[in-house]
């Protein structure tokens, strides 16, 4: 019997590279027997296998193509096609435009293009993209990260989780997160840049985004190397009145 629990499991939340006890960004979202790997940062494939094998995934969703969010797709390709995994069909992969060619560029070593599509059924995201994956509905919005990047709202019935991916504060993220049960939001920057393009949240930004979107609960993730998780939570809490947690590696949160 499958569980109808709607859960977020943190596979990793480090940036910009894995630490000895924390892989880069990656999460497992599950409900009603449906399991989606959300971001595949370096080190997350190993942790994913604590919960699900590649051939048991219902889909993979990638926010953007920086390595700390996507690098383990390369090893997942080898696992899916050349190891002990038996796929009945390519794994649905939802990611930014050009994701298949980017993977092929890294994986191809001869004049023959590596068969990326044999491992992954690629679907390119666009602003407003929506797909039903088993018990889950995924709605993606383009966000402000200096490259094609997306946030996602994942719904199971009347429950909702929003993941920011990497982004500066932007209206599309606030709109996507409106009234959600849980906002999983990055807090990369110790401080906003004095000038130039912003591409990340500070902890204060994270709290303000949560407050503006009137979310029930905030989980801070992707905390930069110049902050401790405790500092990020405290600074976000100063701008958001609801409960604030840290996406510690290995933690599981119920979305309710």
C-alpha atoms as a PDB file:
ATOM      1  CA  UNK A   1       0.000   0.000   0.000  1.00  0.00           C
ATOM      2  CA  UNK A   2       1.406   3.410  -0.941  1.00  0.00           C
ATOM      3  CA  UNK A   3       1.405   6.344   1.439  1.00  0.00           C
ATOM      4  CA  UNK A   4      -0.518   9.529   0.684  1.00  0.00           C
ATOM      5  CA  UNK A   5       1.896  11.535   2.840  1.00  0.00           C
ATOM      6  CA  UNK A   6       3.234  14.564   0.973  1.00  0.00           C
ATOM      7  CA  UNK A   7       6.896  14.774   1.930  1.00  0.00           C
ATOM      8  CA  UNK A   8      10.072  16.676   1.133  1.00  0.00           C
ATOM      9  CA  UNK A   9      13.353  14.875   1.806  1.00  0.00           C
ATOM     10  CA  UNK A  10      16.558  16.903   1.642  1.00  0.00           C
ATOM     11  CA  UNK A  11      19.260  15.009  -0.276  1.00  0.00           C
ATOM     12  CA  UNK A  12      21.631  17.970  -0.057  1.00  0.00           C
ATOM     13  CA  UNK A  13      21.612  21.752   0.259  1.00  0.00           C
ATOM     14  CA  UNK A  14      25.251  22.897  -0.026  1.00  0.00           C
ATOM     15  CA  UNK A  15      26.575  25.519  -2.416  1.00  0.00           C
ATOM     16  CA  UNK A  16      28.602  26.022  -4.553  1.00  0.00           C
ATOM     17  CA  UNK A  17      30.264  22.664  -3.885  1.00  0.00           C
ATOM     18  CA  UNK A  18      29.499  19.715  -1.634  1.00  0.00           C
ATOM     19  CA  UNK A  19      30.892  19.586   1.883  1.00  0.00           C
ATOM     20  CA  UNK A  20      32.015  16.387   3.590  1.00  0.00           C
ATOM     21  CA  UNK A  21      28.548  15.904   5.084  1.00  0.00           C
ATOM     22  CA  UNK A  22      26.263  17.823   2.722  1.00  0.00           C
ATOM     23  CA  UNK A  23      25.826  17.265  -1.039  1.00  0.00           C
ATOM     24  CA  UNK A  24      24.786  20.108  -3.311  1.00  0.00           C
ATOM     25  CA  UNK A  25      21.151  20.985  -4.016  1.00  0.00           C
ATOM     26  CA  UNK A  26      18.775  18.068  -4.411  1.00  0.00           C
ATOM     27  CA  UNK A  27      15.457  16.963  -2.969  1.00  0.00           C
ATOM     28  CA  UNK A  28      13.071  14.031  -3.171  1.00  0.00           C
ATOM     29  CA  UNK A  29       9.393  15.004  -3.253  1.00  0.00           C
ATOM     30  CA  UNK A  30       6.902  12.187  -2.770  1.00  0.00           C
ATOM     31  CA  UNK A  31       3.179  11.613  -2.371  1.00  0.00           C
ATOM     32  CA  UNK A  32       0.849   8.713  -3.028  1.00  0.00           C
ATOM     33  CA  UNK A  33       3.631   6.533  -4.385  1.00  0.00           C
ATOM     34  CA  UNK A  34       4.834   9.269  -6.775  1.00  0.00           C
ATOM     35  CA  UNK A  35       8.510  10.224  -6.437  1.00  0.00           C
ATOM     36  CA  UNK A  36      10.219  13.157  -8.135  1.00  0.00           C
ATOM     37  CA  UNK A  37      13.907  14.071  -7.870  1.00  0.00           C
ATOM     38  CA  UNK A  38      14.056  17.873  -7.724  1.00  0.00           C
ATOM     39  CA  UNK A  39      17.486  19.210  -8.686  1.00  0.00           C
ATOM     40  CA  UNK A  40      20.421  16.850  -9.084  1.00  0.00           C
ATOM     41  CA  UNK A  41      23.396  18.639  -7.604  1.00  0.00           C
ATOM     42  CA  UNK A  42      26.685  16.828  -7.131  1.00  0.00           C
ATOM     43  CA  UNK A  43      26.472  14.124  -4.479  1.00  0.00           C
ATOM     44  CA  UNK A  44      22.684  13.852  -4.451  1.00  0.00           C
ATOM     45  CA  UNK A  45      22.428  10.659  -6.523  1.00  0.00           C
ATOM     46  CA  UNK A  46      24.157   8.726  -3.741  1.00  0.00           C
ATOM     47  CA  UNK A  47      21.673  10.029  -1.175  1.00  0.00           C
ATOM     48  CA  UNK A  48      18.715   9.457  -3.487  1.00  0.00           C
ATOM     49  CA  UNK A  49      19.472   5.736  -3.423  1.00  0.00           C
ATOM     50  CA  UNK A  50      18.721   5.653   0.306  1.00  0.00           C
ATOM     51  CA  UNK A  51      15.084   6.171  -0.691  1.00  0.00           C
ATOM     52  CA  UNK A  52      14.498   5.171  -4.314  1.00  0.00           C
ATOM     53  CA  UNK A  53      16.293   3.643  -7.287  1.00  0.00           C
ATOM     54  CA  UNK A  54      16.544   5.504 -10.574  1.00  0.00           C
ATOM     55  CA  UNK A  55      14.087   3.139 -12.261  1.00  0.00           C
ATOM     56  CA  UNK A  56      11.546   3.840  -9.510  1.00  0.00           C
ATOM     57  CA  UNK A  57      11.454   7.596 -10.142  1.00  0.00           C
ATOM     58  CA  UNK A  58       8.393   9.110 -11.783  1.00  0.00           C
ATOM     59  CA  UNK A  59      10.297  12.169 -12.920  1.00  0.00           C
ATOM     60  CA  UNK A  60      13.239  14.533 -12.496  1.00  0.00           C
ATOM     61  CA  UNK A  61      12.837  18.325 -12.370  1.00  0.00           C
ATOM     62  CA  UNK A  62      15.855  20.637 -12.787  1.00  0.00           C
ATOM     63  CA  UNK A  63      15.729  24.345 -11.925  1.00  0.00           C
ATOM     64  CA  UNK A  64      18.759  25.448 -13.946  1.00  0.00           C
ATOM     65  CA  UNK A  65      21.996  24.122 -15.381  1.00  0.00           C
ATOM     66  CA  UNK A  66      24.584  25.255 -12.863  1.00  0.00           C
ATOM     67  CA  UNK A  67      26.559  22.206 -11.726  1.00  0.00           C
ATOM     68  CA  UNK A  68      25.491  22.417  -8.091  1.00  0.00           C
ATOM     69  CA  UNK A  69      21.924  21.749  -9.275  1.00  0.00           C
ATOM     70  CA  UNK A  70      22.412  19.396 -12.224  1.00  0.00           C
ATOM     71  CA  UNK A  71      25.814  17.645 -12.258  1.00  0.00           C
ATOM     72  CA  UNK A  72      24.539  14.279 -11.027  1.00  0.00           C
ATOM     73  CA  UNK A  73      22.441  13.913 -14.171  1.00  0.00           C
ATOM     74  CA  UNK A  74      25.719  12.852 -15.814  1.00  0.00           C
ATOM     75  CA  UNK A  75      26.275   9.916 -13.496  1.00  0.00           C
ATOM     76  CA  UNK A  76      22.538   9.148 -13.494  1.00  0.00           C
ATOM     77  CA  UNK A  77      22.821   8.695 -17.274  1.00  0.00           C
ATOM     78  CA  UNK A  78      25.494   6.030 -16.854  1.00  0.00           C
ATOM     79  CA  UNK A  79      23.515   4.382 -14.075  1.00  0.00           C
ATOM     80  CA  UNK A  80      20.335   4.305 -16.134  1.00  0.00           C
ATOM     81  CA  UNK A  81      21.922   2.795 -19.247  1.00  0.00           C
ATOM     82  CA  UNK A  82      25.080   0.911 -18.342  1.00  0.00           C
ATOM     83  CA  UNK A  83      24.743  -0.505 -14.821  1.00  0.00           C
ATOM     84  CA  UNK A  84      22.290  -2.500 -12.732  1.00  0.00           C
ATOM     85  CA  UNK A  85      19.265  -0.275 -13.426  1.00  0.00           C
ATOM     86  CA  UNK A  86      16.632  -1.666 -15.797  1.00  0.00           C
ATOM     87  CA  UNK A  87      14.480   1.083 -17.268  1.00  0.00           C
ATOM     88  CA  UNK A  88      11.142   0.171 -18.807  1.00  0.00           C
ATOM     89  CA  UNK A  89      11.120   3.652 -20.402  1.00  0.00           C
ATOM     90  CA  UNK A  90      13.300   6.767 -20.280  1.00  0.00           C
ATOM     91  CA  UNK A  91      12.885   8.787 -17.080  1.00  0.00           C
ATOM     92  CA  UNK A  92      10.814  11.959 -17.647  1.00  0.00           C
ATOM     93  CA  UNK A  93      13.186  14.904 -17.268  1.00  0.00           C
ATOM     94  CA  UNK A  94      11.875  18.469 -16.986  1.00  0.00           C
ATOM     95  CA  UNK A  95      14.525  21.153 -17.303  1.00  0.00           C
ATOM     96  CA  UNK A  96      15.577  24.443 -18.889  1.00  0.00           C
ATOM     97  CA  UNK A  97      15.757  24.858 -22.665  1.00  0.00           C
ATOM     98  CA  UNK A  98      18.826  23.164 -24.115  1.00  0.00           C
ATOM     99  CA  UNK A  99      19.235  20.643 -21.298  1.00  0.00           C
ATOM    100  CA  UNK A 100      19.491  17.628 -23.636  1.00  0.00           C
ATOM    101  CA  UNK A 101      22.229  19.187 -25.756  1.00  0.00           C
ATOM    102  CA  UNK A 102      24.103  20.332 -22.640  1.00  0.00           C
ATOM    103  CA  UNK A 103      24.100  16.784 -21.282  1.00  0.00           C
ATOM    104  CA  UNK A 104      25.127  15.362 -24.648  1.00  0.00           C
ATOM    105  CA  UNK A 105      28.012  17.846 -24.874  1.00  0.00           C
ATOM    106  CA  UNK A 106      29.492  16.446 -21.652  1.00  0.00           C
ATOM    107  CA  UNK A 107      28.642  12.799 -22.289  1.00  0.00           C
ATOM    108  CA  UNK A 108      29.675  12.410 -25.928  1.00  0.00           C
ATOM    109  CA  UNK A 109      33.255  11.189 -26.377  1.00  0.00           C
ATOM    110  CA  UNK A 110      33.275  10.097 -30.031  1.00  0.00           C
ATOM    111  CA  UNK A 111      31.778  11.332 -33.271  1.00  0.00           C
ATOM    112  CA  UNK A 112      28.519   9.635 -32.281  1.00  0.00           C
ATOM    113  CA  UNK A 113      26.264  11.647 -29.970  1.00  0.00           C
ATOM    114  CA  UNK A 114      25.585   9.872 -26.684  1.00  0.00           C
ATOM    115  CA  UNK A 115      21.967   8.623 -26.515  1.00  0.00           C
ATOM    116  CA  UNK A 116      20.775  11.021 -23.837  1.00  0.00           C
ATOM    117  CA  UNK A 117      17.167  10.471 -24.859  1.00  0.00           C
ATOM    118  CA  UNK A 118      17.490   6.734 -24.150  1.00  0.00           C
ATOM    119  CA  UNK A 119      17.944   7.566 -20.470  1.00  0.00           C
ATOM    120  CA  UNK A 120      15.777  10.694 -20.210  1.00  0.00           C
ATOM    121  CA  UNK A 121      12.520  11.710 -21.874  1.00  0.00           C
ATOM    122  CA  UNK A 122      13.333  15.417 -22.040  1.00  0.00           C
ATOM    123  CA  UNK A 123      10.660  18.096 -21.661  1.00  0.00           C
ATOM    124  CA  UNK A 124      11.852  21.719 -21.785  1.00  0.00           C
ATOM    125  CA  UNK A 125      10.411  24.110 -19.235  1.00  0.00           C
ATOM    126  CA  UNK A 126       8.896  27.487 -20.051  1.00  0.00           C
ATOM    127  CA  UNK A 127       7.263  30.163 -17.923  1.00  0.00           C
ATOM    128  CA  UNK A 128       3.929  28.728 -16.812  1.00  0.00           C
ATOM    129  CA  UNK A 129       4.792  25.127 -17.745  1.00  0.00           C
ATOM    130  CA  UNK A 130       2.535  22.642 -15.946  1.00  0.00           C
ATOM    131  CA  UNK A 131       2.629  18.857 -15.842  1.00  0.00           C
ATOM    132  CA  UNK A 132       0.892  16.131 -13.854  1.00  0.00           C
ATOM    133  CA  UNK A 133       3.307  13.488 -12.589  1.00  0.00           C
ATOM    134  CA  UNK A 134       1.374  10.758 -10.827  1.00  0.00           C
ATOM    135  CA  UNK A 135      -0.166  12.230  -7.691  1.00  0.00           C
ATOM    136  CA  UNK A 136       1.716  15.521  -8.107  1.00  0.00           C
ATOM    137  CA  UNK A 137       1.108  18.644 -10.195  1.00  0.00           C
ATOM    138  CA  UNK A 138       4.217  20.714 -11.037  1.00  0.00           C
ATOM    139  CA  UNK A 139       3.878  24.328 -12.172  1.00  0.00           C
ATOM    140  CA  UNK A 140       7.076  26.157 -13.173  1.00  0.00           C
ATOM    141  CA  UNK A 141       7.793  29.876 -13.387  1.00  0.00           C
ATOM    142  CA  UNK A 142      10.832  31.636 -14.834  1.00  0.00           C
ATOM    143  CA  UNK A 143      12.864  33.445 -12.163  1.00  0.00           C
ATOM    144  CA  UNK A 144      15.756  35.930 -12.030  1.00  0.00           C
ATOM    145  CA  UNK A 145      19.126  34.159 -11.965  1.00  0.00           C
ATOM    146  CA  UNK A 146      20.988  35.588 -14.949  1.00  0.00           C
ATOM    147  CA  UNK A 147      20.527  32.364 -16.946  1.00  0.00           C
ATOM    148  CA  UNK A 148      17.363  30.398 -17.798  1.00  0.00           C
ATOM    149  CA  UNK A 149      16.127  29.324 -14.366  1.00  0.00           C
ATOM    150  CA  UNK A 150      12.836  28.219 -12.854  1.00  0.00           C
ATOM    151  CA  UNK A 151      10.995  27.849  -9.568  1.00  0.00           C
ATOM    152  CA  UNK A 152       8.325  25.192  -9.104  1.00  0.00           C
ATOM    153  CA  UNK A 153       5.069  24.815  -7.211  1.00  0.00           C
ATOM    154  CA  UNK A 154       4.337  21.169  -6.420  1.00  0.00           C
ATOM    155  CA  UNK A 155       0.796  20.315  -5.360  1.00  0.00           C
ATOM    156  CA  UNK A 156      -0.749  17.138  -3.987  1.00  0.00           C
ATOM    157  CA  UNK A 157      -4.464  17.710  -3.586  1.00  0.00           C
ATOM    158  CA  UNK A 158      -4.887  20.899  -1.581  1.00  0.00           C
ATOM    159  CA  UNK A 159      -1.328  20.871  -0.205  1.00  0.00           C
ATOM    160  CA  UNK A 160       1.485  22.830  -1.797  1.00  0.00           C
ATOM    161  CA  UNK A 161       5.271  23.131  -1.727  1.00  0.00           C
ATOM    162  CA  UNK A 162       7.150  25.844  -3.612  1.00  0.00           C
ATOM    163  CA  UNK A 163      10.870  25.581  -4.351  1.00  0.00           C
ATOM    164  CA  UNK A 164      12.678  28.747  -5.423  1.00  0.00           C
ATOM    165  CA  UNK A 165      15.616  27.167  -7.250  1.00  0.00           C
ATOM    166  CA  UNK A 166      18.260  29.911  -7.441  1.00  0.00           C
ATOM    167  CA  UNK A 167      16.939  33.417  -7.914  1.00  0.00           C
ATOM    168  CA  UNK A 168      17.007  36.992  -6.790  1.00  0.00           C
ATOM    169  CA  UNK A 169      13.747  38.229  -5.258  1.00  0.00           C
ATOM    170  CA  UNK A 170      11.264  38.566  -8.120  1.00  0.00           C
ATOM    171  CA  UNK A 171       7.493  38.909  -8.611  1.00  0.00           C
ATOM    172  CA  UNK A 172       7.168  35.567 -10.372  1.00  0.00           C
ATOM    173  CA  UNK A 173       8.460  33.670  -7.324  1.00  0.00           C
ATOM    174  CA  UNK A 174       6.203  35.615  -4.959  1.00  0.00           C
ATOM    175  CA  UNK A 175       3.197  34.953  -7.201  1.00  0.00           C
ATOM    176  CA  UNK A 176       4.033  31.262  -7.507  1.00  0.00           C
ATOM    177  CA  UNK A 177       4.390  30.891  -3.733  1.00  0.00           C
ATOM    178  CA  UNK A 178       1.176  32.754  -2.877  1.00  0.00           C
ATOM    179  CA  UNK A 179      -0.518  31.015   0.042  1.00  0.00           C
ATOM    180  CA  UNK A 180       1.537  27.821  -0.156  1.00  0.00           C
ATOM    181  CA  UNK A 181       1.963  25.489   2.799  1.00  0.00           C
ATOM    182  CA  UNK A 182       5.766  25.389   2.573  1.00  0.00           C
ATOM    183  CA  UNK A 183       8.267  27.617   0.771  1.00  0.00           C
ATOM    184  CA  UNK A 184      11.706  26.072   0.284  1.00  0.00           C
ATOM    185  CA  UNK A 185      13.788  29.127  -0.545  1.00  0.00           C
ATOM    186  CA  UNK A 186      17.476  29.746  -1.110  1.00  0.00           C
ATOM    187  CA  UNK A 187      19.529  32.090   1.070  1.00  0.00           C
ATOM    188  CA  UNK A 188      22.856  32.096  -0.767  1.00  0.00           C
ATOM    189  CA  UNK A 189      24.062  35.647  -0.238  1.00  0.00           C
ATOM    190  CA  UNK A 190      25.429  37.021   2.997  1.00  0.00           C
ATOM    191  CA  UNK A 191      24.548  40.474   1.705  1.00  0.00           C
ATOM    192  CA  UNK A 192      23.051  42.028  -1.389  1.00  0.00           C
ATOM    193  CA  UNK A 193      25.592  43.355  -3.919  1.00  0.00           C
ATOM    194  CA  UNK A 194      26.221  47.079  -3.768  1.00  0.00           C
ATOM    195  CA  UNK A 195      25.764  47.275  -7.512  1.00  0.00           C
ATOM    196  CA  UNK A 196      25.270  44.973 -10.458  1.00  0.00           C
ATOM    197  CA  UNK A 197      22.789  42.225 -11.146  1.00  0.00           C
ATOM    198  CA  UNK A 198      21.346  40.313  -8.206  1.00  0.00           C
ATOM    199  CA  UNK A 199      20.981  36.575  -8.716  1.00  0.00           C
ATOM    200  CA  UNK A 200      20.358  35.265  -5.186  1.00  0.00           C
ATOM    201  CA  UNK A 201      18.343  35.906  -2.016  1.00  0.00           C
ATOM    202  CA  UNK A 202      19.878  37.081   1.219  1.00  0.00           C
ATOM    203  CA  UNK A 203      18.272  35.556   4.338  1.00  0.00           C
ATOM    204  CA  UNK A 204      16.381  38.815   4.806  1.00  0.00           C
ATOM    205  CA  UNK A 205      15.104  38.568   1.230  1.00  0.00           C
ATOM    206  CA  UNK A 206      14.008  35.007   1.917  1.00  0.00           C
ATOM    207  CA  UNK A 207      11.945  36.107   4.904  1.00  0.00           C
ATOM    208  CA  UNK A 208      10.441  38.995   2.950  1.00  0.00           C
ATOM    209  CA  UNK A 209       9.491  36.752   0.026  1.00  0.00           C
ATOM    210  CA  UNK A 210       7.802  34.335   2.435  1.00  0.00           C
ATOM    211  CA  UNK A 211       5.913  37.171   4.085  1.00  0.00           C
ATOM    212  CA  UNK A 212       4.858  38.797   0.820  1.00  0.00           C
ATOM    213  CA  UNK A 213       3.575  35.454  -0.462  1.00  0.00           C
ATOM    214  CA  UNK A 214       1.739  34.749   2.824  1.00  0.00           C
ATOM    215  CA  UNK A 215       3.165  31.252   3.105  1.00  0.00           C
ATOM    216  CA  UNK A 216       2.539  29.094   6.160  1.00  0.00           C
ATOM    217  CA  UNK A 217       6.079  27.833   6.679  1.00  0.00           C
ATOM    218  CA  UNK A 218       9.561  28.673   5.406  1.00  0.00           C
ATOM    219  CA  UNK A 219      12.487  26.302   4.940  1.00  0.00           C
ATOM    220  CA  UNK A 220      15.807  27.997   4.243  1.00  0.00           C
ATOM    221  CA  UNK A 221      18.165  26.175   1.881  1.00  0.00           C
ATOM    222  CA  UNK A 222      21.251  26.713  -0.340  1.00  0.00           C
ATOM    223  CA  UNK A 223      22.904  28.708   2.444  1.00  0.00           C
ATOM    224  CA  UNK A 224      26.141  30.305   1.245  1.00  0.00           C
ATOM    225  CA  UNK A 225      29.573  29.469   2.621  1.00  0.00           C
ATOM    226  CA  UNK A 226      29.832  32.799   4.449  1.00  0.00           C
ATOM    227  CA  UNK A 227      26.766  32.047   6.580  1.00  0.00           C
ATOM    228  CA  UNK A 228      25.913  29.352   9.087  1.00  0.00           C
ATOM    229  CA  UNK A 229      22.474  27.724   8.878  1.00  0.00           C
ATOM    230  CA  UNK A 230      21.694  29.216  12.284  1.00  0.00           C
ATOM    231  CA  UNK A 231      22.528  32.713  11.048  1.00  0.00           C
ATOM    232  CA  UNK A 232      20.414  32.243   7.932  1.00  0.00           C
ATOM    233  CA  UNK A 233      17.407  31.039   9.950  1.00  0.00           C
ATOM    234  CA  UNK A 234      17.740  33.885  12.465  1.00  0.00           C
ATOM    235  CA  UNK A 235      18.037  36.555   9.794  1.00  0.00           C
ATOM    236  CA  UNK A 236      15.099  35.173   7.795  1.00  0.00           C
ATOM    237  CA  UNK A 237      13.011  34.937  10.977  1.00  0.00           C
ATOM    238  CA  UNK A 238      13.531  38.654  11.571  1.00  0.00           C
ATOM    239  CA  UNK A 239      11.503  39.323   8.403  1.00  0.00           C
ATOM    240  CA  UNK A 240       8.960  36.479   8.568  1.00  0.00           C
ATOM    241  CA  UNK A 241       6.611  35.788  11.486  1.00  0.00           C
ATOM    242  CA  UNK A 242       5.912  32.123  10.699  1.00  0.00           C
ATOM    243  CA  UNK A 243       7.996  29.043  11.486  1.00  0.00           C
ATOM    244  CA  UNK A 244      11.422  28.888   9.822  1.00  0.00           C
ATOM    245  CA  UNK A 245      13.514  25.741   9.456  1.00  0.00           C
ATOM    246  CA  UNK A 246      16.790  24.832   7.776  1.00  0.00           C
ATOM    247  CA  UNK A 247      16.996  22.228   5.005  1.00  0.00           C
ATOM    248  CA  UNK A 248      19.497  20.014   6.804  1.00  0.00           C
ATOM    249  CA  UNK A 249      20.815  17.120   4.712  1.00  0.00           C
ATOM    250  CA  UNK A 250      18.789  13.987   5.381  1.00  0.00           C
ATOM    251  CA  UNK A 251      15.857  15.841   6.926  1.00  0.00           C
ATOM    252  CA  UNK A 252      12.302  14.965   5.899  1.00  0.00           C
ATOM    253  CA  UNK A 253       9.469  17.481   6.153  1.00  0.00           C
ATOM    254  CA  UNK A 254       5.752  16.730   5.901  1.00  0.00           C
ATOM    255  CA  UNK A 255       3.794  19.178   3.753  1.00  0.00           C
ATOM    256  CA  UNK A 256       0.543  19.715   5.635  1.00  0.00           C
END
